C-alpha atoms as a PDB file:
ATOM      1  CA  UNK A   1      -0.135   0.094   0.081  1.00  0.00           C
ATOM      2  CA  UNK A   2       1.677   3.392  -0.813  1.00  0.00           C
ATOM      3  CA  UNK A   3       0.851   5.927   1.955  1.00  0.00           C
ATOM      4  CA  UNK A   4       1.255   9.531   2.381  1.00  0.00           C
ATOM      5  CA  UNK A   5       1.307  11.157   5.790  1.00  0.00           C
ATOM      6  CA  UNK A   6       0.160  15.022   5.220  1.00  0.00           C
ATOM      7  CA  UNK A   7       1.432  17.041   8.308  1.00  0.00           C
ATOM      8  CA  UNK A   8       4.405  15.937   9.688  1.00  0.00           C
ATOM      9  CA  UNK A   9       4.395  18.050  12.754  1.00  0.00           C
ATOM     10  CA  UNK A  10       5.145  16.732  16.466  1.00  0.00           C
ATOM     11  CA  UNK A  11       2.672  14.102  16.215  1.00  0.00           C
ATOM     12  CA  UNK A  12       2.865  13.323  12.466  1.00  0.00           C
ATOM     13  CA  UNK A  13       6.710  12.891  12.801  1.00  0.00           C
ATOM     14  CA  UNK A  14       6.429   9.999  15.383  1.00  0.00           C
ATOM     15  CA  UNK A  15       3.815   8.597  13.755  1.00  0.00           C
ATOM     16  CA  UNK A  16       5.347   8.504  10.197  1.00  0.00           C
ATOM     17  CA  UNK A  17       8.457   7.330  11.337  1.00  0.00           C
ATOM     18  CA  UNK A  18       7.202   4.586  13.277  1.00  0.00           C
ATOM     19  CA  UNK A  19       5.106   3.252  10.434  1.00  0.00           C
ATOM     20  CA  UNK A  20       8.261   3.640   8.130  1.00  0.00           C
ATOM     21  CA  UNK A  21      10.176   1.569  11.070  1.00  0.00           C
ATOM     22  CA  UNK A  22       7.665  -0.921  10.180  1.00  0.00           C
ATOM     23  CA  UNK A  23       8.561  -1.383   6.807  1.00  0.00           C
ATOM     24  CA  UNK A  24       5.535   0.400   5.282  1.00  0.00           C
ATOM     25  CA  UNK A  25       5.567   2.331   1.992  1.00  0.00           C
ATOM     26  CA  UNK A  26       5.331   5.780   3.456  1.00  0.00           C
ATOM     27  CA  UNK A  27       6.241   9.427   2.391  1.00  0.00           C
ATOM     28  CA  UNK A  28       6.062  12.323   5.428  1.00  0.00           C
ATOM     29  CA  UNK A  29       4.391  15.134   3.683  1.00  0.00           C
ATOM     30  CA  UNK A  30       5.250  18.747   5.120  1.00  0.00           C
ATOM     31  CA  UNK A  31       5.431  22.459   4.127  1.00  0.00           C
ATOM     32  CA  UNK A  32       8.274  23.247   6.401  1.00  0.00           C
ATOM     33  CA  UNK A  33      11.422  22.778   4.129  1.00  0.00           C
ATOM     34  CA  UNK A  34      14.001  23.152   6.954  1.00  0.00           C
ATOM     35  CA  UNK A  35      12.061  20.155   8.741  1.00  0.00           C
ATOM     36  CA  UNK A  36      11.824  17.817   5.508  1.00  0.00           C
ATOM     37  CA  UNK A  37      15.288  18.363   4.551  1.00  0.00           C
ATOM     38  CA  UNK A  38      16.571  17.506   8.350  1.00  0.00           C
ATOM     39  CA  UNK A  39      14.478  14.373   8.036  1.00  0.00           C
ATOM     40  CA  UNK A  40      15.905  13.323   4.735  1.00  0.00           C
ATOM     41  CA  UNK A  41      19.465  13.993   5.736  1.00  0.00           C
ATOM     42  CA  UNK A  42      19.421  12.618   9.552  1.00  0.00           C
ATOM     43  CA  UNK A  43      16.405  10.996   9.748  1.00  0.00           C
ATOM     44  CA  UNK A  44      13.484  11.575  12.005  1.00  0.00           C
ATOM     45  CA  UNK A  45      14.606  11.826  15.698  1.00  0.00           C
ATOM     46  CA  UNK A  46      12.185  10.970  18.497  1.00  0.00           C
ATOM     47  CA  UNK A  47      13.375  12.320  21.957  1.00  0.00           C
ATOM     48  CA  UNK A  48      11.784  12.558  25.402  1.00  0.00           C
ATOM     49  CA  UNK A  49      10.267   9.211  26.397  1.00  0.00           C
ATOM     50  CA  UNK A  50      11.458   7.590  23.263  1.00  0.00           C
ATOM     51  CA  UNK A  51      14.932   7.411  22.120  1.00  0.00           C
ATOM     52  CA  UNK A  52      14.732   6.729  18.230  1.00  0.00           C
ATOM     53  CA  UNK A  53      16.534   7.771  15.143  1.00  0.00           C
ATOM     54  CA  UNK A  54      14.713   6.332  12.073  1.00  0.00           C
ATOM     55  CA  UNK A  55      15.270   6.856   8.368  1.00  0.00           C
ATOM     56  CA  UNK A  56      12.427   8.186   6.532  1.00  0.00           C
ATOM     57  CA  UNK A  57      11.478   9.765   3.224  1.00  0.00           C
ATOM     58  CA  UNK A  58      10.005  13.287   3.345  1.00  0.00           C
ATOM     59  CA  UNK A  59       8.778  15.685   0.760  1.00  0.00           C
ATOM     60  CA  UNK A  60       7.044  19.202   0.074  1.00  0.00           C
ATOM     61  CA  UNK A  61       3.488  18.897  -0.622  1.00  0.00           C
ATOM     62  CA  UNK A  62       4.403  20.146  -4.414  1.00  0.00           C
ATOM     63  CA  UNK A  63       6.404  17.195  -4.636  1.00  0.00           C
ATOM     64  CA  UNK A  64       3.806  14.475  -4.217  1.00  0.00           C
ATOM     65  CA  UNK A  65       3.893  12.555  -7.352  1.00  0.00           C
ATOM     66  CA  UNK A  66       1.474   9.580  -8.671  1.00  0.00           C
ATOM     67  CA  UNK A  67      -1.499   8.277  -6.732  1.00  0.00           C
ATOM     68  CA  UNK A  68      -1.654   6.995  -3.019  1.00  0.00           C
ATOM     69  CA  UNK A  69      -3.754   4.071  -1.417  1.00  0.00           C
ATOM     70  CA  UNK A  70      -3.741   5.739   1.570  1.00  0.00           C
ATOM     71  CA  UNK A  71      -3.497   9.508   3.012  1.00  0.00           C
ATOM     72  CA  UNK A  72      -3.326  10.083   6.295  1.00  0.00           C
ATOM     73  CA  UNK A  73      -4.108  13.715   7.223  1.00  0.00           C
ATOM     74  CA  UNK A  74      -2.422  15.589  10.277  1.00  0.00           C
ATOM     75  CA  UNK A  75      -2.764  18.597   9.134  1.00  0.00           C
ATOM     76  CA  UNK A  76      -4.424  21.552  11.433  1.00  0.00           C
ATOM     77  CA  UNK A  77      -7.984  21.641  10.349  1.00  0.00           C
ATOM     78  CA  UNK A  78      -7.572  25.166   9.531  1.00  0.00           C
ATOM     79  CA  UNK A  79      -5.816  24.151   6.497  1.00  0.00           C
ATOM     80  CA  UNK A  80      -7.702  20.903   5.727  1.00  0.00           C
ATOM     81  CA  UNK A  81      -9.938  21.986   3.002  1.00  0.00           C
ATOM     82  CA  UNK A  82      -6.749  23.229   1.105  1.00  0.00           C
ATOM     83  CA  UNK A  83      -4.850  20.345   1.694  1.00  0.00           C
ATOM     84  CA  UNK A  84      -7.315  17.999   0.412  1.00  0.00           C
ATOM     85  CA  UNK A  85      -7.963  20.043  -2.657  1.00  0.00           C
ATOM     86  CA  UNK A  86      -4.242  20.011  -3.360  1.00  0.00           C
ATOM     87  CA  UNK A  87      -3.873  16.269  -3.295  1.00  0.00           C
ATOM     88  CA  UNK A  88      -7.033  15.465  -5.331  1.00  0.00           C
ATOM     89  CA  UNK A  89      -4.561  14.863  -8.118  1.00  0.00           C
ATOM     90  CA  UNK A  90      -2.781  12.003  -6.041  1.00  0.00           C
ATOM     91  CA  UNK A  91      -6.073   9.883  -5.570  1.00  0.00           C
ATOM     92  CA  UNK A  92      -7.393   7.032  -7.383  1.00  0.00           C
ATOM     93  CA  UNK A  93     -10.911   5.847  -7.320  1.00  0.00           C
ATOM     94  CA  UNK A  94     -10.224   3.767  -4.307  1.00  0.00           C
ATOM     95  CA  UNK A  95      -7.801   5.967  -2.585  1.00  0.00           C
ATOM     96  CA  UNK A  96      -8.651   6.104   1.369  1.00  0.00           C
ATOM     97  CA  UNK A  97      -8.673   9.059   3.591  1.00  0.00           C
ATOM     98  CA  UNK A  98      -7.713   8.639   7.284  1.00  0.00           C
ATOM     99  CA  UNK A  99      -8.277  11.705   9.288  1.00  0.00           C
ATOM    100  CA  UNK A 100      -6.072  11.797  12.778  1.00  0.00           C
ATOM    101  CA  UNK A 101      -6.375  15.488  13.389  1.00  0.00           C
ATOM    102  CA  UNK A 102      -8.257  17.174  16.206  1.00  0.00           C
ATOM    103  CA  UNK A 103     -11.896  18.020  16.039  1.00  0.00           C
ATOM    104  CA  UNK A 104     -14.407  16.566  13.549  1.00  0.00           C
ATOM    105  CA  UNK A 105     -12.395  16.751  10.454  1.00  0.00           C
ATOM    106  CA  UNK A 106     -14.760  13.820   8.616  1.00  0.00           C
ATOM    107  CA  UNK A 107     -17.266  16.372   8.076  1.00  0.00           C
ATOM    108  CA  UNK A 108     -14.640  18.060   5.909  1.00  0.00           C
ATOM    109  CA  UNK A 109     -13.530  14.878   4.136  1.00  0.00           C
ATOM    110  CA  UNK A 110     -16.830  14.238   2.890  1.00  0.00           C
ATOM    111  CA  UNK A 111     -16.629  16.963   0.521  1.00  0.00           C
ATOM    112  CA  UNK A 112     -13.532  15.218  -1.181  1.00  0.00           C
ATOM    113  CA  UNK A 113     -14.515  11.510  -1.449  1.00  0.00           C
ATOM    114  CA  UNK A 114     -17.288   9.156  -0.700  1.00  0.00           C
ATOM    115  CA  UNK A 115     -18.264   8.429   3.015  1.00  0.00           C
ATOM    116  CA  UNK A 116     -17.194   4.752   2.516  1.00  0.00           C
ATOM    117  CA  UNK A 117     -13.548   5.721   1.529  1.00  0.00           C
ATOM    118  CA  UNK A 118     -13.337   8.064   5.004  1.00  0.00           C
ATOM    119  CA  UNK A 119     -11.652   6.408   8.211  1.00  0.00           C
ATOM    120  CA  UNK A 120     -10.946   8.831  11.270  1.00  0.00           C
ATOM    121  CA  UNK A 121      -9.658   8.371  14.729  1.00  0.00           C
ATOM    122  CA  UNK A 122      -7.613   9.933  17.237  1.00  0.00           C
ATOM    123  CA  UNK A 123      -3.980   9.428  18.733  1.00  0.00           C
ATOM    124  CA  UNK A 124      -3.455   8.492  22.386  1.00  0.00           C
ATOM    125  CA  UNK A 125      -0.066  10.079  22.675  1.00  0.00           C
ATOM    126  CA  UNK A 126       1.322  13.748  22.961  1.00  0.00           C
ATOM    127  CA  UNK A 127       4.485  15.129  21.560  1.00  0.00           C
ATOM    128  CA  UNK A 128       6.142  18.579  21.311  1.00  0.00           C
ATOM    129  CA  UNK A 129       7.824  19.763  18.137  1.00  0.00           C
ATOM    130  CA  UNK A 130      11.577  20.790  19.053  1.00  0.00           C
ATOM    131  CA  UNK A 131      13.281  21.644  15.806  1.00  0.00           C
ATOM    132  CA  UNK A 132      13.787  20.758  12.277  1.00  0.00           C
ATOM    133  CA  UNK A 133      13.960  16.479  12.218  1.00  0.00           C
ATOM    134  CA  UNK A 134      13.143  16.229  15.815  1.00  0.00           C
ATOM    135  CA  UNK A 135       9.858  15.651  17.944  1.00  0.00           C
ATOM    136  CA  UNK A 136       9.809  14.955  21.625  1.00  0.00           C
ATOM    137  CA  UNK A 137       7.229  12.030  23.050  1.00  0.00           C
ATOM    138  CA  UNK A 138       5.933  13.681  26.158  1.00  0.00           C
ATOM    139  CA  UNK A 139       4.276  10.751  27.649  1.00  0.00           C
ATOM    140  CA  UNK A 140       5.407   6.994  28.356  1.00  0.00           C
ATOM    141  CA  UNK A 141       5.824   5.009  25.320  1.00  0.00           C
ATOM    142  CA  UNK A 142       3.172   2.720  26.369  1.00  0.00           C
ATOM    143  CA  UNK A 143       0.726   5.212  25.627  1.00  0.00           C
ATOM    144  CA  UNK A 144       1.531   5.141  21.646  1.00  0.00           C
ATOM    145  CA  UNK A 145      -1.696   4.141  20.260  1.00  0.00           C
ATOM    146  CA  UNK A 146      -4.532   5.163  17.841  1.00  0.00           C
ATOM    147  CA  UNK A 147      -8.159   4.397  18.368  1.00  0.00           C
ATOM    148  CA  UNK A 148      -9.789   4.540  14.734  1.00  0.00           C
ATOM    149  CA  UNK A 149     -12.606   3.113  12.595  1.00  0.00           C
ATOM    150  CA  UNK A 150     -14.375   3.927   9.187  1.00  0.00           C
ATOM    151  CA  UNK A 151     -17.016   6.780   9.061  1.00  0.00           C
ATOM    152  CA  UNK A 152     -19.535   4.216   7.831  1.00  0.00           C
ATOM    153  CA  UNK A 153     -19.082   1.677  10.499  1.00  0.00           C
ATOM    154  CA  UNK A 154     -18.181  -1.644   9.320  1.00  0.00           C
ATOM    155  CA  UNK A 155     -15.198  -3.341  10.008  1.00  0.00           C
ATOM    156  CA  UNK A 156     -14.039  -4.699   6.469  1.00  0.00           C
ATOM    157  CA  UNK A 157     -10.801  -5.633   5.107  1.00  0.00           C
ATOM    158  CA  UNK A 158      -9.675  -2.472   4.276  1.00  0.00           C
ATOM    159  CA  UNK A 159     -10.161  -1.247   7.846  1.00  0.00           C
ATOM    160  CA  UNK A 160      -8.028  -4.183   9.144  1.00  0.00           C
ATOM    161  CA  UNK A 161      -5.476  -3.516   6.575  1.00  0.00           C
ATOM    162  CA  UNK A 162      -5.035   0.078   7.852  1.00  0.00           C
ATOM    163  CA  UNK A 163      -5.019  -1.408  11.364  1.00  0.00           C
ATOM    164  CA  UNK A 164      -2.014  -3.344  10.685  1.00  0.00           C
ATOM    165  CA  UNK A 165      -0.143  -0.055   9.244  1.00  0.00           C
ATOM    166  CA  UNK A 166      -0.979   1.702  12.508  1.00  0.00           C
ATOM    167  CA  UNK A 167       0.069  -0.945  14.545  1.00  0.00           C
ATOM    168  CA  UNK A 168       3.456  -0.062  13.947  1.00  0.00           C
ATOM    169  CA  UNK A 169       2.623   3.323  16.255  1.00  0.00           C
ATOM    170  CA  UNK A 170       1.323   1.149  18.778  1.00  0.00           C
ATOM    171  CA  UNK A 171      -1.701  -0.436  20.019  1.00  0.00           C
ATOM    172  CA  UNK A 172      -4.538  -0.041  17.970  1.00  0.00           C
ATOM    173  CA  UNK A 173      -8.227  -0.274  18.681  1.00  0.00           C
ATOM    174  CA  UNK A 174     -10.788  -0.455  16.016  1.00  0.00           C
ATOM    175  CA  UNK A 175     -14.158   1.063  16.727  1.00  0.00           C
ATOM    176  CA  UNK A 176     -17.550   0.976  14.857  1.00  0.00           C
ATOM    177  CA  UNK A 177     -18.563   4.180  16.761  1.00  0.00           C
ATOM    178  CA  UNK A 178     -16.491   6.566  15.410  1.00  0.00           C
ATOM    179  CA  UNK A 179     -18.421   9.491  16.417  1.00  0.00           C
ATOM    180  CA  UNK A 180     -17.970   8.620  19.927  1.00  0.00           C
ATOM    181  CA  UNK A 181     -14.393   8.325  19.671  1.00  0.00           C
ATOM    182  CA  UNK A 182     -14.403  11.836  18.088  1.00  0.00           C
ATOM    183  CA  UNK A 183     -16.442  13.873  20.673  1.00  0.00           C
ATOM    184  CA  UNK A 184     -14.393  11.762  23.628  1.00  0.00           C
ATOM    185  CA  UNK A 185     -11.109  13.313  21.882  1.00  0.00           C
ATOM    186  CA  UNK A 186     -12.741  16.638  21.235  1.00  0.00           C
ATOM    187  CA  UNK A 187     -13.661  16.684  25.011  1.00  0.00           C
ATOM    188  CA  UNK A 188      -9.812  15.927  25.798  1.00  0.00           C
ATOM    189  CA  UNK A 189      -8.699  18.627  23.531  1.00  0.00           C
ATOM    190  CA  UNK A 190     -11.273  21.020  24.650  1.00  0.00           C
ATOM    191  CA  UNK A 191      -9.962  20.916  28.163  1.00  0.00           C
ATOM    192  CA  UNK A 192      -6.450  19.847  28.348  1.00  0.00           C
ATOM    193  CA  UNK A 193      -5.175  21.385  25.307  1.00  0.00           C
ATOM    194  CA  UNK A 194      -7.401  24.458  25.747  1.00  0.00           C
ATOM    195  CA  UNK A 195      -6.905  25.275  29.542  1.00  0.00           C
ATOM    196  CA  UNK A 196      -3.177  25.123  29.363  1.00  0.00           C
ATOM    197  CA  UNK A 197      -3.037  27.185  26.256  1.00  0.00           C
ATOM    198  CA  UNK A 198      -5.261  29.994  28.092  1.00  0.00           C
ATOM    199  CA  UNK A 199      -2.778  29.790  30.696  1.00  0.00           C
ATOM    200  CA  UNK A 200       0.357  29.407  28.636  1.00  0.00           C
ATOM    201  CA  UNK A 201       1.748  26.389  30.535  1.00  0.00           C
ATOM    202  CA  UNK A 202       2.315  22.653  30.649  1.00  0.00           C
ATOM    203  CA  UNK A 203      -0.507  20.390  31.548  1.00  0.00           C
ATOM    204  CA  UNK A 204       0.959  19.471  35.005  1.00  0.00           C
ATOM    205  CA  UNK A 205       0.833  22.972  36.231  1.00  0.00           C
ATOM    206  CA  UNK A 206      -2.916  22.680  35.533  1.00  0.00           C
ATOM    207  CA  UNK A 207      -3.170  19.376  37.423  1.00  0.00           C
ATOM    208  CA  UNK A 208      -1.270  21.135  40.659  1.00  0.00           C
ATOM    209  CA  UNK A 209      -3.466  24.198  40.591  1.00  0.00           C
ATOM    210  CA  UNK A 210      -6.902  23.568  42.535  1.00  0.00           C
ATOM    211  CA  UNK A 211      -8.704  26.439  40.782  1.00  0.00           C
ATOM    212  CA  UNK A 212      -7.386  25.441  37.409  1.00  0.00           C
ATOM    213  CA  UNK A 213      -8.972  22.124  38.004  1.00  0.00           C
ATOM    214  CA  UNK A 214     -12.237  23.437  38.827  1.00  0.00           C
ATOM    215  CA  UNK A 215     -11.998  24.915  35.415  1.00  0.00           C
ATOM    216  CA  UNK A 216     -11.503  21.697  33.835  1.00  0.00           C
ATOM    217  CA  UNK A 217     -14.351  20.062  35.957  1.00  0.00           C
ATOM    218  CA  UNK A 218     -16.705  22.682  34.568  1.00  0.00           C
ATOM    219  CA  UNK A 219     -15.457  22.505  30.894  1.00  0.00           C
ATOM    220  CA  UNK A 220     -15.765  18.971  30.839  1.00  0.00           C
ATOM    221  CA  UNK A 221     -19.223  18.876  32.543  1.00  0.00           C
ATOM    222  CA  UNK A 222     -20.357  21.309  29.519  1.00  0.00           C
ATOM    223  CA  UNK A 223     -18.777  18.657  27.156  1.00  0.00           C
ATOM    224  CA  UNK A 224     -20.645  15.573  28.795  1.00  0.00           C
ATOM    225  CA  UNK A 225     -23.884  17.103  28.916  1.00  0.00           C
ATOM    226  CA  UNK A 226     -23.711  18.193  25.136  1.00  0.00           C
ATOM    227  CA  UNK A 227     -22.700  14.526  24.358  1.00  0.00           C
ATOM    228  CA  UNK A 228     -25.522  13.123  26.513  1.00  0.00           C
ATOM    229  CA  UNK A 229     -27.710  15.318  24.691  1.00  0.00           C
ATOM    230  CA  UNK A 230     -26.890  14.502  21.221  1.00  0.00           C
ATOM    231  CA  UNK A 231     -27.714  10.786  22.160  1.00  0.00           C
ATOM    232  CA  UNK A 232     -24.047   9.729  21.566  1.00  0.00           C
ATOM    233  CA  UNK A 233     -22.224   7.193  23.486  1.00  0.00           C
ATOM    234  CA  UNK A 234     -18.705   8.400  24.028  1.00  0.00           C
ATOM    235  CA  UNK A 235     -15.660   5.930  23.723  1.00  0.00           C
ATOM    236  CA  UNK A 236     -13.118   5.302  26.083  1.00  0.00           C
ATOM    237  CA  UNK A 237      -9.720   6.491  24.660  1.00  0.00           C
ATOM    238  CA  UNK A 238      -6.439   6.103  27.114  1.00  0.00           C
ATOM    239  CA  UNK A 239      -8.858   5.131  29.830  1.00  0.00           C
ATOM    240  CA  UNK A 240     -10.934   8.601  29.413  1.00  0.00           C
ATOM    241  CA  UNK A 241     -14.704   8.530  28.926  1.00  0.00           C
ATOM    242  CA  UNK A 242     -16.735  11.716  29.010  1.00  0.00           C
ATOM    243  CA  UNK A 243     -19.824  10.438  30.239  1.00  0.00           C
ATOM    244  CA  UNK A 244     -22.287  12.085  32.793  1.00  0.00           C
ATOM    245  CA  UNK A 245     -21.820   9.279  35.123  1.00  0.00           C
ATOM    246  CA  UNK A 246     -17.817  10.139  35.215  1.00  0.00           C
ATOM    247  CA  UNK A 247     -17.991  14.139  34.781  1.00  0.00           C
ATOM    248  CA  UNK A 248     -21.391  15.613  36.277  1.00  0.00           C
ATOM    249  CA  UNK A 249     -21.395  16.841  39.534  1.00  0.00           C
ATOM    250  CA  UNK A 250     -23.924  19.167  41.393  1.00  0.00           C
ATOM    251  CA  UNK A 251     -22.168  20.224  44.601  1.00  0.00           C
ATOM    252  CA  UNK A 252     -18.689  21.128  45.704  1.00  0.00           C
ATOM    253  CA  UNK A 253     -18.212  17.742  47.215  1.00  0.00           C
ATOM    254  CA  UNK A 254     -18.997  15.947  43.927  1.00  0.00           C
ATOM    255  CA  UNK A 255     -16.966  18.276  41.790  1.00  0.00           C
ATOM    256  CA  UNK A 256     -13.720  17.400  44.096  1.00  0.00           C
ATOM    257  CA  UNK A 257     -14.608  13.590  43.514  1.00  0.00           C
ATOM    258  CA  UNK A 258     -14.702  14.089  39.910  1.00  0.00           C
ATOM    259  CA  UNK A 259     -11.533  16.173  39.988  1.00  0.00           C
ATOM    260  CA  UNK A 260      -9.447  14.159  42.340  1.00  0.00           C
ATOM    261  CA  UNK A 261     -11.141  10.759  41.572  1.00  0.00           C
ATOM    262  CA  UNK A 262     -11.226  10.986  37.579  1.00  0.00           C
ATOM    263  CA  UNK A 263      -9.427  13.859  35.878  1.00  0.00           C
ATOM    264  CA  UNK A 264      -6.140  13.871  38.008  1.00  0.00           C
ATOM    265  CA  UNK A 265      -5.503  10.157  37.879  1.00  0.00           C
ATOM    266  CA  UNK A 266      -5.970   9.862  34.101  1.00  0.00           C
ATOM    267  CA  UNK A 267      -3.764  13.060  32.807  1.00  0.00           C
ATOM    268  CA  UNK A 268      -1.179  12.385  35.307  1.00  0.00           C
ATOM    269  CA  UNK A 269       0.639  10.613  32.676  1.00  0.00           C
ATOM    270  CA  UNK A 270       0.720  13.515  30.570  1.00  0.00           C
ATOM    271  CA  UNK A 271       2.253  16.229  32.748  1.00  0.00           C
ATOM    272  CA  UNK A 272       4.869  17.244  30.417  1.00  0.00           C
ATOM    273  CA  UNK A 273       2.381  17.801  27.539  1.00  0.00           C
ATOM    274  CA  UNK A 274       2.518  21.167  25.654  1.00  0.00           C
ATOM    275  CA  UNK A 275      -0.818  21.456  24.064  1.00  0.00           C
ATOM    276  CA  UNK A 276      -0.914  21.736  20.260  1.00  0.00           C
ATOM    277  CA  UNK A 277      -2.637  25.104  19.967  1.00  0.00           C
ATOM    278  CA  UNK A 278      -0.207  26.652  22.580  1.00  0.00           C
ATOM    279  CA  UNK A 279       2.410  25.434  20.461  1.00  0.00           C
ATOM    280  CA  UNK A 280       0.807  27.131  17.500  1.00  0.00           C
ATOM    281  CA  UNK A 281       0.299  30.428  19.098  1.00  0.00           C
ATOM    282  CA  UNK A 282       4.205  30.378  20.371  1.00  0.00           C
ATOM    283  CA  UNK A 283       4.884  29.946  16.676  1.00  0.00           C
ATOM    284  CA  UNK A 284       2.631  32.983  15.708  1.00  0.00           C
ATOM    285  CA  UNK A 285       0.327  30.940  13.844  1.00  0.00           C
ATOM    286  CA  UNK A 286      -3.454  30.351  13.913  1.00  0.00           C
ATOM    287  CA  UNK A 287      -4.674  27.274  15.995  1.00  0.00           C
ATOM    288  CA  UNK A 288      -7.647  25.363  15.897  1.00  0.00           C
ATOM    289  CA  UNK A 289      -9.820  26.805  18.600  1.00  0.00           C
ATOM    290  CA  UNK A 290     -12.835  27.315  16.493  1.00  0.00           C
ATOM    291  CA  UNK A 291     -12.789  23.656  15.468  1.00  0.00           C
ATOM    292  CA  UNK A 292     -12.237  22.503  19.274  1.00  0.00           C
ATOM    293  CA  UNK A 293     -14.071  24.335  21.844  1.00  0.00           C
ATOM    294  CA  UNK A 294     -15.916  26.404  19.095  1.00  0.00           C
ATOM    295  CA  UNK A 295     -17.473  23.047  18.226  1.00  0.00           C
ATOM    296  CA  UNK A 296     -19.099  22.541  21.706  1.00  0.00           C
ATOM    297  CA  UNK A 297     -20.182  26.161  21.806  1.00  0.00           C
ATOM    298  CA  UNK A 298     -21.850  25.880  18.656  1.00  0.00           C
ATOM    299  CA  UNK A 299     -23.436  22.754  19.511  1.00  0.00           C
ATOM    300  CA  UNK A 300     -24.562  23.797  23.060  1.00  0.00           C
ATOM    301  CA  UNK A 301     -26.152  26.880  21.370  1.00  0.00           C
ATOM    302  CA  UNK A 302     -27.999  24.768  18.929  1.00  0.00           C
ATOM    303  CA  UNK A 303     -29.180  22.132  22.040  1.00  0.00           C
ATOM    304  CA  UNK A 304     -29.971  24.909  24.456  1.00  0.00           C
ATOM    305  CA  UNK A 305     -26.983  24.174  26.762  1.00  0.00           C
ATOM    306  CA  UNK A 306     -25.124  26.803  28.306  1.00  0.00           C
ATOM    307  CA  UNK A 307     -21.296  26.590  27.747  1.00  0.00           C
ATOM    308  CA  UNK A 308     -19.865  29.848  29.594  1.00  0.00           C
ATOM    309  CA  UNK A 309     -16.496  27.950  30.257  1.00  0.00           C
ATOM    310  CA  UNK A 310     -16.135  26.642  26.654  1.00  0.00           C
ATOM    311  CA  UNK A 311     -17.055  30.142  25.339  1.00  0.00           C
ATOM    312  CA  UNK A 312     -14.625  31.740  27.614  1.00  0.00           C
ATOM    313  CA  UNK A 313     -11.754  29.712  26.614  1.00  0.00           C
ATOM    314  CA  UNK A 314     -12.560  30.463  23.096  1.00  0.00           C
ATOM    315  CA  UNK A 315     -12.588  34.262  23.800  1.00  0.00           C
ATOM    316  CA  UNK A 316      -9.209  34.082  25.791  1.00  0.00           C
ATOM    317  CA  UNK A 317      -7.294  31.924  23.282  1.00  0.00           C
ATOM    318  CA  UNK A 318      -8.506  33.981  20.316  1.00  0.00           C
ATOM    319  CA  UNK A 319      -7.036  37.043  22.100  1.00  0.00           C
ATOM    320  CA  UNK A 320      -3.845  35.442  22.843  1.00  0.00           C
ATOM    321  CA  UNK A 321      -3.505  34.291  19.024  1.00  0.00           C
ATOM    322  CA  UNK A 322      -4.424  37.629  17.724  1.00  0.00           C
ATOM    323  CA  UNK A 323      -2.019  39.064  20.353  1.00  0.00           C
ATOM    324  CA  UNK A 324      -4.760  41.368  22.150  1.00  0.00           C
ATOM    325  CA  UNK A 325      -3.962  39.561  25.438  1.00  0.00           C
ATOM    326  CA  UNK A 326      -0.127  39.001  26.228  1.00  0.00           C
ATOM    327  CA  UNK A 327       1.112  35.581  26.358  1.00  0.00           C
ATOM    328  CA  UNK A 328       3.818  36.112  28.772  1.00  0.00           C
ATOM    329  CA  UNK A 329       0.972  36.851  31.662  1.00  0.00           C
ATOM    330  CA  UNK A 330      -1.302  34.527  30.318  1.00  0.00           C
ATOM    331  CA  UNK A 331      -1.756  32.598  33.814  1.00  0.00           C
ATOM    332  CA  UNK A 332      -3.561  35.544  35.056  1.00  0.00           C
ATOM    333  CA  UNK A 333      -6.228  34.934  32.575  1.00  0.00           C
ATOM    334  CA  UNK A 334      -7.384  32.127  35.508  1.00  0.00           C
ATOM    335  CA  UNK A 335      -8.794  34.974  37.294  1.00  0.00           C
ATOM    336  CA  UNK A 336     -11.552  35.853  34.392  1.00  0.00           C
ATOM    337  CA  UNK A 337     -12.513  31.925  34.303  1.00  0.00           C
ATOM    338  CA  UNK A 338     -12.811  31.729  38.080  1.00  0.00           C
ATOM    339  CA  UNK A 339     -14.901  34.499  38.040  1.00  0.00           C
ATOM    340  CA  UNK A 340     -17.633  32.542  36.264  1.00  0.00           C
ATOM    341  CA  UNK A 341     -18.044  30.648  39.497  1.00  0.00           C
ATOM    342  CA  UNK A 342     -15.654  27.574  40.137  1.00  0.00           C
ATOM    343  CA  UNK A 343     -16.896  26.605  43.538  1.00  0.00           C
END
């Protein structure tokens, strides 16, 4: 199977390198020329919780040639439409698209190929881009893995073949409930990507602060209530499942139970994580806030569910991104989140 992984950033570099190490015919596609050159000259280097240097083939988007059997997208959703438009010429009638980025990107992919040719899922590990050719794994190597499935649901030979390819990354779970996986991952991103981004810190600093964790609890509860109202059954990803049973509370005592008994134990393995949205803002580029927390804000409006915490996070992160708020003093944004009422 001829494979193109488009978007070899922090996560894509690790995923693509491990798939390449597994012997698959894969090329890593990225628009950052220095990064592409470094990977071709020195291999893809993984540091942090994994120490690997893996020879890979990397190219710029304009260098894609011929057609591919599988296109894995890990680009930002902000650029996904343009990405898929550009690779139309590299698809044949049976080309599969596997969307592994944040948000609900399958909605966009449906504009380019039929639903039966779309798979999607979520990676279960975190990473930080260090420098051209180098990505740091910021969680235990045992966390490496992917949960994915087809948009239509059935587990057929094509899904199983893609599962074998992804198994080079780590553990693989095939689901028949892709939307359930997506909304679990969306909740994860809307909480533990958004809040550290709004405060300009690693995940561990949020875990260690009781006021920040109250914001976590409230934002998570908003997500769980929306998911329940939608009638979705969320899926378990890396031990996390945003159900009302796990995340709802109606008193300070119940909130403390949710924080100490659920949120902190699950996310303690990711203390070193630097959120992808924060990495983007630090680089001076647009992040995916409107596709992540913004998705819950839109759904909440549609369903008549208040989302004050999600909405405030969208506001803060947009202002950080647009340099209306200073990133250097972003921890002060906790005060405006606390003002919403976190007790």
